[in-house]
Amino acid sequence: MPARRTVERPGPPTGDPHARVHIVPVGFEVERVTEPLADARADRVYLVTRRERDAAAPFVEEVRRRLRTADWPIDVREVGTDPWSVFETLAAYRAIFEAEHRTVRGAAGVLPLRVNVSTGTKITAIAGTLACMLWNGAPYYVQVSRSWYSDRAPRVRSVHDVVERVEPVNVYELRAPARDLVEVLEALARRGGTLRKRDLLRELGLDRPASRGGPPLSPQAQHGRLRRRLEPLERRWGFVRTDATGPRARVSLTEQGRVALSLFGAAGGAH
């Protein structure tokens, strides 16, 4: 999903491996957003906001205002999404990592993309942490001493949060399922999320001989090929569910499988 550039300031081009790039969801926070950017002298920031009917719009505008008047050049871009949808949020984060060429974890000579996981919603925090585990990201959490809008209707004030420190969040690398397993999820998504096994075999091409001109595969051999893919997806990952047995058995994407497509699918998944 393309980012809208909201502040035109000079800076390194998109994808520059040395650019200091941040992703920051904006909810009812100001200092929690802007102070880490100032401390890091960020070159570019992606503000993740609600796509429409955003109650936090005054806070977004105040963040923009402060960044417009910053004493260093910062390229500000806004990405609209649904901050309560894990699918949309993961897709938005993935698009940013890909645009900035930060998808190879620990790549030599490439600065990790920094992600604020203390702002926005719980969904944006989870998505940001997962993105950093999968790709070349570094999450951080902004500790505040007190909130000036606690237990009140949120509105923009001269001071909101008193930032005490910015702490890195330690994450481990998250391994993606093998490509042939992801292809099963993509095939199910293309056909509405549920298929009979015999239809899934055809969709994946597992009913065809392994080599051109080879002998035809028996039904047992075809189902054996499919079973080797389905078993780890169902038992280890929980990405699919099989209902019934025999020729009428149906395979369905689970909710976890749809999330996995957002993370690992070739085009961000279908949902």
C-alpha atoms as a PDB file:
ATOM      1  CA  MET A   1       0.000   0.000   0.000  1.00  0.00           C
ATOM      2  CA  PRO A   2       1.648   3.257  -1.138  1.00  0.00           C
ATOM      3  CA  ALA A   3       2.716   5.862   1.389  1.00  0.00           C
ATOM      4  CA  ARG A   4       1.592   9.467   1.005  1.00  0.00           C
ATOM      5  CA  ARG A   5       4.406  11.943   1.425  1.00  0.00           C
ATOM      6  CA  THR A   6       3.058  14.640   3.722  1.00  0.00           C
ATOM      7  CA  VAL A   7       6.169  16.761   4.319  1.00  0.00           C
ATOM      8  CA  GLU A   8       8.549  17.576   1.487  1.00  0.00           C
ATOM      9  CA  ARG A   9      12.059  17.744   3.001  1.00  0.00           C
ATOM     10  CA  PRO A  10      15.322  16.681   1.378  1.00  0.00           C
ATOM     11  CA  GLY A  11      16.635  13.305   2.387  1.00  0.00           C
ATOM     12  CA  PRO A  12      18.098  10.033   1.128  1.00  0.00           C
ATOM     13  CA  PRO A  13      16.099   8.175  -1.532  1.00  0.00           C
ATOM     14  CA  THR A  14      13.785   5.295  -0.706  1.00  0.00           C
ATOM     15  CA  GLY A  15      15.811   2.131  -0.289  1.00  0.00           C
ATOM     16  CA  ASP A  16      19.084   3.842   0.664  1.00  0.00           C
ATOM     17  CA  PRO A  17      20.730   1.236   2.934  1.00  0.00           C
ATOM     18  CA  HIS A  18      22.219   3.925   5.166  1.00  0.00           C
ATOM     19  CA  ALA A  19      19.029   5.932   5.707  1.00  0.00           C
ATOM     20  CA  ARG A  20      17.731   6.075   9.276  1.00  0.00           C
ATOM     21  CA  VAL A  21      14.140   4.950   8.697  1.00  0.00           C
ATOM     22  CA  HIS A  22      11.395   4.599  11.322  1.00  0.00           C
ATOM     23  CA  ILE A  23       7.841   3.235  11.313  1.00  0.00           C
ATOM     24  CA  VAL A  24       5.618   4.864  13.931  1.00  0.00           C
ATOM     25  CA  PRO A  25       1.882   4.222  14.387  1.00  0.00           C
ATOM     26  CA  VAL A  26       0.133   7.366  15.657  1.00  0.00           C
ATOM     27  CA  GLY A  27      -2.681   7.136  18.181  1.00  0.00           C
ATOM     28  CA  PHE A  28      -3.259   9.570  21.035  1.00  0.00           C
ATOM     29  CA  GLU A  29       0.461  10.304  21.478  1.00  0.00           C
ATOM     30  CA  VAL A  30       2.789  13.092  20.437  1.00  0.00           C
ATOM     31  CA  GLU A  31       6.075  13.044  22.384  1.00  0.00           C
ATOM     32  CA  ARG A  32       6.198   9.260  22.230  1.00  0.00           C
ATOM     33  CA  VAL A  33       6.243   9.652  18.460  1.00  0.00           C
ATOM     34  CA  THR A  34       8.448  12.671  17.930  1.00  0.00           C
ATOM     35  CA  GLU A  35      11.162  12.489  20.600  1.00  0.00           C
ATOM     36  CA  PRO A  36      12.743   9.191  19.468  1.00  0.00           C
ATOM     37  CA  LEU A  37      12.806  10.573  15.923  1.00  0.00           C
ATOM     38  CA  ALA A  38      14.653  13.665  17.127  1.00  0.00           C
ATOM     39  CA  ASP A  39      17.073  11.659  19.269  1.00  0.00           C
ATOM     40  CA  ALA A  40      17.915   9.389  16.324  1.00  0.00           C
ATOM     41  CA  ARG A  41      17.938  12.229  13.754  1.00  0.00           C
ATOM     42  CA  ALA A  42      15.711  10.062  11.577  1.00  0.00           C
ATOM     43  CA  ASP A  43      15.981  10.612   7.820  1.00  0.00           C
ATOM     44  CA  ARG A  44      12.532   9.269   7.062  1.00  0.00           C
ATOM     45  CA  VAL A  45       9.471   8.236   9.063  1.00  0.00           C
ATOM     46  CA  TYR A  46       6.355   6.362   8.025  1.00  0.00           C
ATOM     47  CA  LEU A  47       3.424   7.499  10.167  1.00  0.00           C
ATOM     48  CA  VAL A  48       0.905   4.652  10.310  1.00  0.00           C
ATOM     49  CA  THR A  49      -2.566   6.125  10.771  1.00  0.00           C
ATOM     50  CA  ARG A  50      -6.165   5.039  10.534  1.00  0.00           C
ATOM     51  CA  ARG A  51      -7.306   5.205   6.931  1.00  0.00           C
ATOM     52  CA  GLU A  52     -10.583   6.980   7.645  1.00  0.00           C
ATOM     53  CA  ARG A  53     -12.617   8.444  10.516  1.00  0.00           C
ATOM     54  CA  ASP A  54      -9.496   8.763  12.627  1.00  0.00           C
ATOM     55  CA  ALA A  55     -10.304  10.071  16.120  1.00  0.00           C
ATOM     56  CA  ALA A  56      -6.572  10.656  16.535  1.00  0.00           C
ATOM     57  CA  ALA A  57      -6.438  13.070  13.563  1.00  0.00           C
ATOM     58  CA  PRO A  58      -5.587  16.116  15.774  1.00  0.00           C
ATOM     59  CA  PHE A  59      -2.637  14.195  17.200  1.00  0.00           C
ATOM     60  CA  VAL A  60      -1.454  13.209  13.723  1.00  0.00           C
ATOM     61  CA  GLU A  61      -1.590  16.855  12.662  1.00  0.00           C
ATOM     62  CA  GLU A  62       0.373  17.933  15.746  1.00  0.00           C
ATOM     63  CA  VAL A  63       3.036  15.308  14.979  1.00  0.00           C
ATOM     64  CA  ARG A  64       3.229  16.602  11.405  1.00  0.00           C
ATOM     65  CA  ARG A  65       3.499  20.190  12.649  1.00  0.00           C
ATOM     66  CA  ARG A  66       6.387  19.397  14.972  1.00  0.00           C
ATOM     67  CA  LEU A  67       8.230  17.459  12.297  1.00  0.00           C
ATOM     68  CA  ARG A  68       7.688  20.252   9.758  1.00  0.00           C
ATOM     69  CA  THR A  69       9.462  22.650  12.121  1.00  0.00           C
ATOM     70  CA  ALA A  70      12.227  20.227  13.125  1.00  0.00           C
ATOM     71  CA  ASP A  71      15.782  21.545  12.933  1.00  0.00           C
ATOM     72  CA  TRP A  72      16.913  18.648  10.735  1.00  0.00           C
ATOM     73  CA  PRO A  73      15.569  17.438   7.368  1.00  0.00           C
ATOM     74  CA  ILE A  74      13.097  14.569   7.773  1.00  0.00           C
ATOM     75  CA  ASP A  75      11.012  12.973   5.048  1.00  0.00           C
ATOM     76  CA  VAL A  76       7.559  12.241   6.513  1.00  0.00           C
ATOM     77  CA  ARG A  77       5.209   9.810   4.810  1.00  0.00           C
ATOM     78  CA  GLU A  78       1.772   8.697   5.917  1.00  0.00           C
ATOM     79  CA  VAL A  79       0.401   5.181   5.473  1.00  0.00           C
ATOM     80  CA  GLY A  80      -3.317   4.663   6.017  1.00  0.00           C
ATOM     81  CA  THR A  81      -4.539   1.300   7.292  1.00  0.00           C
ATOM     82  CA  ASP A  82      -6.984  -0.262   9.724  1.00  0.00           C
ATOM     83  CA  PRO A  83      -5.025  -0.396  13.003  1.00  0.00           C
ATOM     84  CA  TRP A  84      -7.405  -3.068  14.368  1.00  0.00           C
ATOM     85  CA  SER A  85      -6.913  -5.423  11.402  1.00  0.00           C
ATOM     86  CA  VAL A  86      -3.908  -7.698  11.699  1.00  0.00           C
ATOM     87  CA  PHE A  87      -4.062  -8.465   7.960  1.00  0.00           C
ATOM     88  CA  GLU A  88      -4.017  -4.844   6.807  1.00  0.00           C
ATOM     89  CA  THR A  89      -1.408  -3.810   9.335  1.00  0.00           C
ATOM     90  CA  LEU A  90       0.980  -6.635   8.466  1.00  0.00           C
ATOM     91  CA  ALA A  91       0.534  -5.879   4.765  1.00  0.00           C
ATOM     92  CA  ALA A  92       1.327  -2.200   5.368  1.00  0.00           C
ATOM     93  CA  TYR A  93       4.460  -3.003   7.375  1.00  0.00           C
ATOM     94  CA  ARG A  94       5.605  -5.541   4.825  1.00  0.00           C
ATOM     95  CA  ALA A  95       5.207  -3.034   1.970  1.00  0.00           C
ATOM     96  CA  ILE A  96       7.388  -0.517   3.830  1.00  0.00           C
ATOM     97  CA  PHE A  97      10.144  -3.047   4.558  1.00  0.00           C
ATOM     98  CA  GLU A  98      10.140  -4.113   0.917  1.00  0.00           C
ATOM     99  CA  ALA A  99      10.182  -0.526  -0.410  1.00  0.00           C
ATOM    100  CA  GLU A 100      13.141   0.277   1.849  1.00  0.00           C
ATOM    101  CA  HIS A 101      14.981  -2.946   0.899  1.00  0.00           C
ATOM    102  CA  ARG A 102      15.173  -4.049   4.538  1.00  0.00           C
ATOM    103  CA  THR A 103      13.845  -7.590   4.158  1.00  0.00           C
ATOM    104  CA  VAL A 104      17.121  -9.497   4.705  1.00  0.00           C
ATOM    105  CA  ARG A 105      17.641  -9.848   8.427  1.00  0.00           C
ATOM    106  CA  GLY A 106      21.119  -8.787   9.519  1.00  0.00           C
ATOM    107  CA  ALA A 107      22.218  -7.765   6.012  1.00  0.00           C
ATOM    108  CA  ALA A 108      25.761  -6.384   6.063  1.00  0.00           C
ATOM    109  CA  GLY A 109      26.013  -2.616   5.623  1.00  0.00           C
ATOM    110  CA  VAL A 110      22.237  -2.080   5.861  1.00  0.00           C
ATOM    111  CA  LEU A 111      20.761  -0.206   8.796  1.00  0.00           C
ATOM    112  CA  PRO A 112      17.789  -1.996  10.349  1.00  0.00           C
ATOM    113  CA  LEU A 113      14.443  -0.282  10.003  1.00  0.00           C
ATOM    114  CA  ARG A 114      13.406   0.936  13.461  1.00  0.00           C
ATOM    115  CA  VAL A 115       9.811   0.381  14.621  1.00  0.00           C
ATOM    116  CA  ASN A 116       8.061   2.106  17.535  1.00  0.00           C
ATOM    117  CA  VAL A 117       6.006  -0.580  19.319  1.00  0.00           C
ATOM    118  CA  SER A 118       4.767   1.655  22.134  1.00  0.00           C
ATOM    119  CA  THR A 119       2.370   3.803  20.083  1.00  0.00           C
ATOM    120  CA  GLY A 120      -0.839   3.062  18.203  1.00  0.00           C
ATOM    121  CA  THR A 121      -2.898  -0.042  19.013  1.00  0.00           C
ATOM    122  CA  LYS A 122      -1.959  -3.467  20.339  1.00  0.00           C
ATOM    123  CA  ILE A 123      -2.370  -4.786  16.802  1.00  0.00           C
ATOM    124  CA  THR A 124       0.184  -2.332  15.387  1.00  0.00           C
ATOM    125  CA  ALA A 125       2.575  -3.238  18.210  1.00  0.00           C
ATOM    126  CA  ILE A 126       2.225  -6.961  17.468  1.00  0.00           C
ATOM    127  CA  ALA A 127       2.612  -6.366  13.729  1.00  0.00           C
ATOM    128  CA  GLY A 128       5.703  -4.254  14.279  1.00  0.00           C
ATOM    129  CA  THR A 129       7.335  -6.869  16.495  1.00  0.00           C
ATOM    130  CA  LEU A 130       6.565  -9.659  14.017  1.00  0.00           C
ATOM    131  CA  ALA A 131       7.921  -7.587  11.130  1.00  0.00           C
ATOM    132  CA  CYS A 132      11.185  -7.060  12.984  1.00  0.00           C
ATOM    133  CA  MET A 133      11.445 -10.781  13.730  1.00  0.00           C
ATOM    134  CA  LEU A 134      10.967 -11.628  10.061  1.00  0.00           C
ATOM    135  CA  TRP A 135      12.918  -8.878   8.358  1.00  0.00           C
ATOM    136  CA  ASN A 136      15.704  -6.399   9.081  1.00  0.00           C
ATOM    137  CA  GLY A 137      13.981  -4.413  11.818  1.00  0.00           C
ATOM    138  CA  ALA A 138      14.740  -3.135  15.308  1.00  0.00           C
ATOM    139  CA  PRO A 139      11.709  -2.510  17.567  1.00  0.00           C
ATOM    140  CA  TYR A 140      11.843  -0.018  20.414  1.00  0.00           C
ATOM    141  CA  TYR A 141       9.568   0.934  23.288  1.00  0.00           C
ATOM    142  CA  VAL A 142       9.233   4.502  24.597  1.00  0.00           C
ATOM    143  CA  GLN A 143       8.868   4.632  28.375  1.00  0.00           C
ATOM    144  CA  VAL A 144       6.928   7.610  29.746  1.00  0.00           C
ATOM    145  CA  SER A 145       6.692   8.826  33.323  1.00  0.00           C
ATOM    146  CA  ARG A 146       3.121  10.079  33.145  1.00  0.00           C
ATOM    147  CA  SER A 147       0.333  10.780  30.688  1.00  0.00           C
ATOM    148  CA  TRP A 148      -1.425  14.133  30.637  1.00  0.00           C
ATOM    149  CA  TYR A 149      -4.525  12.705  29.004  1.00  0.00           C
ATOM    150  CA  SER A 150      -5.085   9.620  31.165  1.00  0.00           C
ATOM    151  CA  ASP A 151      -8.751   9.140  32.071  1.00  0.00           C
ATOM    152  CA  ARG A 152      -9.722  12.154  29.955  1.00  0.00           C
ATOM    153  CA  ALA A 153     -11.094  12.643  26.490  1.00  0.00           C
ATOM    154  CA  PRO A 154      -7.969  12.786  24.301  1.00  0.00           C
ATOM    155  CA  ARG A 155      -7.121  16.218  22.936  1.00  0.00           C
ATOM    156  CA  VAL A 156      -3.988  17.927  21.761  1.00  0.00           C
ATOM    157  CA  ARG A 157      -2.090  19.733  24.512  1.00  0.00           C
ATOM    158  CA  SER A 158       1.256  21.488  24.751  1.00  0.00           C
ATOM    159  CA  VAL A 159       2.685  18.493  26.615  1.00  0.00           C
ATOM    160  CA  HIS A 160       1.288  14.968  26.591  1.00  0.00           C
ATOM    161  CA  ASP A 161       3.899  12.456  27.655  1.00  0.00           C
ATOM    162  CA  VAL A 162       7.108  12.992  29.576  1.00  0.00           C
ATOM    163  CA  VAL A 163       9.520  10.603  27.884  1.00  0.00           C
ATOM    164  CA  GLU A 164      11.971   8.971  30.262  1.00  0.00           C
ATOM    165  CA  ARG A 165      13.881   6.664  27.931  1.00  0.00           C
ATOM    166  CA  VAL A 166      13.724   4.709  24.710  1.00  0.00           C
ATOM    167  CA  GLU A 167      14.493   1.018  25.153  1.00  0.00           C
ATOM    168  CA  PRO A 168      15.292  -1.517  22.438  1.00  0.00           C
ATOM    169  CA  VAL A 169      13.094  -4.605  22.375  1.00  0.00           C
ATOM    170  CA  ASN A 170      15.006  -7.856  21.958  1.00  0.00           C
ATOM    171  CA  VAL A 171      13.497 -10.172  19.355  1.00  0.00           C
ATOM    172  CA  TYR A 172      14.490 -13.482  17.831  1.00  0.00           C
ATOM    173  CA  GLU A 173      14.525 -14.391  14.182  1.00  0.00           C
ATOM    174  CA  LEU A 174      11.262 -15.922  12.975  1.00  0.00           C
ATOM    175  CA  ARG A 175      11.682 -18.579  10.297  1.00  0.00           C
ATOM    176  CA  ALA A 176       9.234 -18.738   7.435  1.00  0.00           C
ATOM    177  CA  PRO A 177       7.669 -22.036   6.343  1.00  0.00           C
ATOM    178  CA  ALA A 178       9.245 -23.625   3.275  1.00  0.00           C
ATOM    179  CA  ARG A 179       8.046 -22.210  -0.041  1.00  0.00           C
ATOM    180  CA  ASP A 180       6.162 -25.390  -1.028  1.00  0.00           C
ATOM    181  CA  LEU A 181       4.122 -25.101   2.183  1.00  0.00           C
ATOM    182  CA  VAL A 182       3.294 -21.453   1.540  1.00  0.00           C
ATOM    183  CA  GLU A 183       2.082 -22.462  -1.932  1.00  0.00           C
ATOM    184  CA  VAL A 184      -0.614 -24.583  -0.271  1.00  0.00           C
ATOM    185  CA  LEU A 185      -1.867 -21.532   1.656  1.00  0.00           C
ATOM    186  CA  GLU A 186      -1.852 -19.419  -1.509  1.00  0.00           C
ATOM    187  CA  ALA A 187      -3.772 -22.099  -3.430  1.00  0.00           C
ATOM    188  CA  LEU A 188      -6.438 -22.263  -0.729  1.00  0.00           C
ATOM    189  CA  ALA A 189      -6.727 -18.462  -0.608  1.00  0.00           C
ATOM    190  CA  ARG A 190      -7.164 -18.268  -4.408  1.00  0.00           C
ATOM    191  CA  ARG A 191     -10.125 -20.647  -4.175  1.00  0.00           C
ATOM    192  CA  GLY A 192     -11.931 -19.001  -1.285  1.00  0.00           C
ATOM    193  CA  GLY A 193     -10.142 -20.622   1.649  1.00  0.00           C
ATOM    194  CA  THR A 194     -11.500 -24.197   1.403  1.00  0.00           C
ATOM    195  CA  LEU A 195     -10.955 -26.977  -1.136  1.00  0.00           C
ATOM    196  CA  ARG A 196     -11.509 -30.691  -1.413  1.00  0.00           C
ATOM    197  CA  LYS A 197      -8.228 -32.580  -1.372  1.00  0.00           C
ATOM    198  CA  ARG A 198      -8.644 -33.745  -4.972  1.00  0.00           C
ATOM    199  CA  ASP A 199      -9.164 -30.129  -6.100  1.00  0.00           C
ATOM    200  CA  LEU A 200      -6.191 -28.975  -4.042  1.00  0.00           C
ATOM    201  CA  LEU A 201      -4.054 -31.644  -5.720  1.00  0.00           C
ATOM    202  CA  ARG A 202      -4.962 -30.238  -9.132  1.00  0.00           C
ATOM    203  CA  GLU A 203      -4.482 -26.625  -7.988  1.00  0.00           C
ATOM    204  CA  LEU A 204      -0.948 -27.441  -6.821  1.00  0.00           C
ATOM    205  CA  GLY A 205      -0.121 -29.664  -9.791  1.00  0.00           C
ATOM    206  CA  LEU A 206       0.574 -32.618  -7.506  1.00  0.00           C
ATOM    207  CA  ASP A 207      -1.537 -34.883  -9.704  1.00  0.00           C
ATOM    208  CA  ARG A 208       1.016 -34.621 -12.534  1.00  0.00           C
ATOM    209  CA  PRO A 209       4.167 -36.745 -12.996  1.00  0.00           C
ATOM    210  CA  ALA A 210       7.343 -35.334 -11.483  1.00  0.00           C
ATOM    211  CA  SER A 211       9.038 -35.238 -14.907  1.00  0.00           C
ATOM    212  CA  ARG A 212       7.730 -34.628 -18.418  1.00  0.00           C
ATOM    213  CA  GLY A 213       6.715 -37.891 -20.038  1.00  0.00           C
ATOM    214  CA  GLY A 214       6.914 -39.791 -16.784  1.00  0.00           C
ATOM    215  CA  PRO A 215       4.404 -42.477 -15.834  1.00  0.00           C
ATOM    216  CA  PRO A 216       1.094 -41.269 -14.393  1.00  0.00           C
ATOM    217  CA  LEU A 217       0.866 -41.124 -10.629  1.00  0.00           C
ATOM    218  CA  SER A 218      -1.471 -43.415  -8.772  1.00  0.00           C
ATOM    219  CA  PRO A 219      -4.081 -41.771  -6.516  1.00  0.00           C
ATOM    220  CA  GLN A 220      -2.135 -43.084  -3.519  1.00  0.00           C
ATOM    221  CA  ALA A 221       1.071 -41.424  -4.728  1.00  0.00           C
ATOM    222  CA  GLN A 222      -0.741 -38.142  -5.388  1.00  0.00           C
ATOM    223  CA  HIS A 223      -2.260 -38.066  -1.924  1.00  0.00           C
ATOM    224  CA  GLY A 224       1.078 -39.007  -0.411  1.00  0.00           C
ATOM    225  CA  ARG A 225       2.644 -35.913  -1.998  1.00  0.00           C
ATOM    226  CA  LEU A 226      -0.153 -33.754  -0.639  1.00  0.00           C
ATOM    227  CA  ARG A 227       0.004 -35.348   2.809  1.00  0.00           C
ATOM    228  CA  ARG A 228       3.703 -34.446   3.140  1.00  0.00           C
ATOM    229  CA  ARG A 229       2.719 -30.796   2.748  1.00  0.00           C
ATOM    230  CA  LEU A 230      -0.433 -30.812   4.816  1.00  0.00           C
ATOM    231  CA  GLU A 231       0.921 -32.580   7.892  1.00  0.00           C
ATOM    232  CA  PRO A 232       3.415 -29.866   8.948  1.00  0.00           C
ATOM    233  CA  LEU A 233       0.947 -27.110   8.051  1.00  0.00           C
ATOM    234  CA  GLU A 234      -1.718 -28.676  10.265  1.00  0.00           C
ATOM    235  CA  ARG A 235       0.249 -30.277  13.100  1.00  0.00           C
ATOM    236  CA  ARG A 236       3.246 -27.974  13.485  1.00  0.00           C
ATOM    237  CA  TRP A 237       1.996 -24.603  12.282  1.00  0.00           C
ATOM    238  CA  GLY A 238      -1.800 -24.774  12.660  1.00  0.00           C
ATOM    239  CA  PHE A 239      -2.238 -22.967   9.342  1.00  0.00           C
ATOM    240  CA  VAL A 240      -4.761 -25.408   7.844  1.00  0.00           C
ATOM    241  CA  ARG A 241      -7.511 -27.693   9.098  1.00  0.00           C
ATOM    242  CA  THR A 242      -8.671 -30.926   7.466  1.00  0.00           C
ATOM    243  CA  ASP A 243     -12.319 -31.945   7.867  1.00  0.00           C
ATOM    244  CA  ALA A 244     -13.359 -35.591   7.344  1.00  0.00           C
ATOM    245  CA  THR A 245     -11.308 -38.239   5.539  1.00  0.00           C
ATOM    246  CA  GLY A 246     -11.226 -39.928   2.157  1.00  0.00           C
ATOM    247  CA  PRO A 247     -12.047 -38.355  -1.226  1.00  0.00           C
ATOM    248  CA  ARG A 248     -14.540 -35.896   0.254  1.00  0.00           C
ATOM    249  CA  ALA A 249     -12.056 -34.482   2.790  1.00  0.00           C
ATOM    250  CA  ARG A 250     -11.816 -30.693   2.716  1.00  0.00           C
ATOM    251  CA  VAL A 251      -8.836 -28.545   3.622  1.00  0.00           C
ATOM    252  CA  SER A 252      -9.411 -25.037   5.010  1.00  0.00           C
ATOM    253  CA  LEU A 253      -7.241 -22.076   5.919  1.00  0.00           C
ATOM    254  CA  THR A 254      -7.303 -21.245   9.614  1.00  0.00           C
ATOM    255  CA  GLU A 255      -7.091 -17.731  11.025  1.00  0.00           C
ATOM    256  CA  GLN A 256      -3.398 -18.361  11.729  1.00  0.00           C
ATOM    257  CA  GLY A 257      -3.000 -19.427   8.108  1.00  0.00           C
ATOM    258  CA  ARG A 258      -4.448 -16.141   6.874  1.00  0.00           C
ATOM    259  CA  VAL A 259      -2.032 -14.227   9.090  1.00  0.00           C
ATOM    260  CA  ALA A 260       0.809 -16.363   7.732  1.00  0.00           C
ATOM    261  CA  LEU A 261      -0.186 -15.382   4.197  1.00  0.00           C
ATOM    262  CA  SER A 262       0.109 -11.710   5.152  1.00  0.00           C
ATOM    263  CA  LEU A 263       3.643 -12.430   6.347  1.00  0.00           C
ATOM    264  CA  PHE A 264       4.961 -15.030   3.918  1.00  0.00           C
ATOM    265  CA  GLY A 265       2.772 -14.990   0.790  1.00  0.00           C
ATOM    266  CA  ALA A 266       4.353 -13.974  -2.500  1.00  0.00           C
ATOM    267  CA  ALA A 267       2.047 -10.934  -2.819  1.00  0.00           C
ATOM    268  CA  GLY A 268       1.231 -10.248   0.787  1.00  0.00           C
ATOM    269  CA  GLY A 269      -1.486 -12.883   0.871  1.00  0.00           C
ATOM    270  CA  ALA A 270      -5.174 -12.870   0.073  1.00  0.00           C
ATOM    271  CA  HIS A 271      -7.746 -12.312   2.792  1.00  0.00           C
END
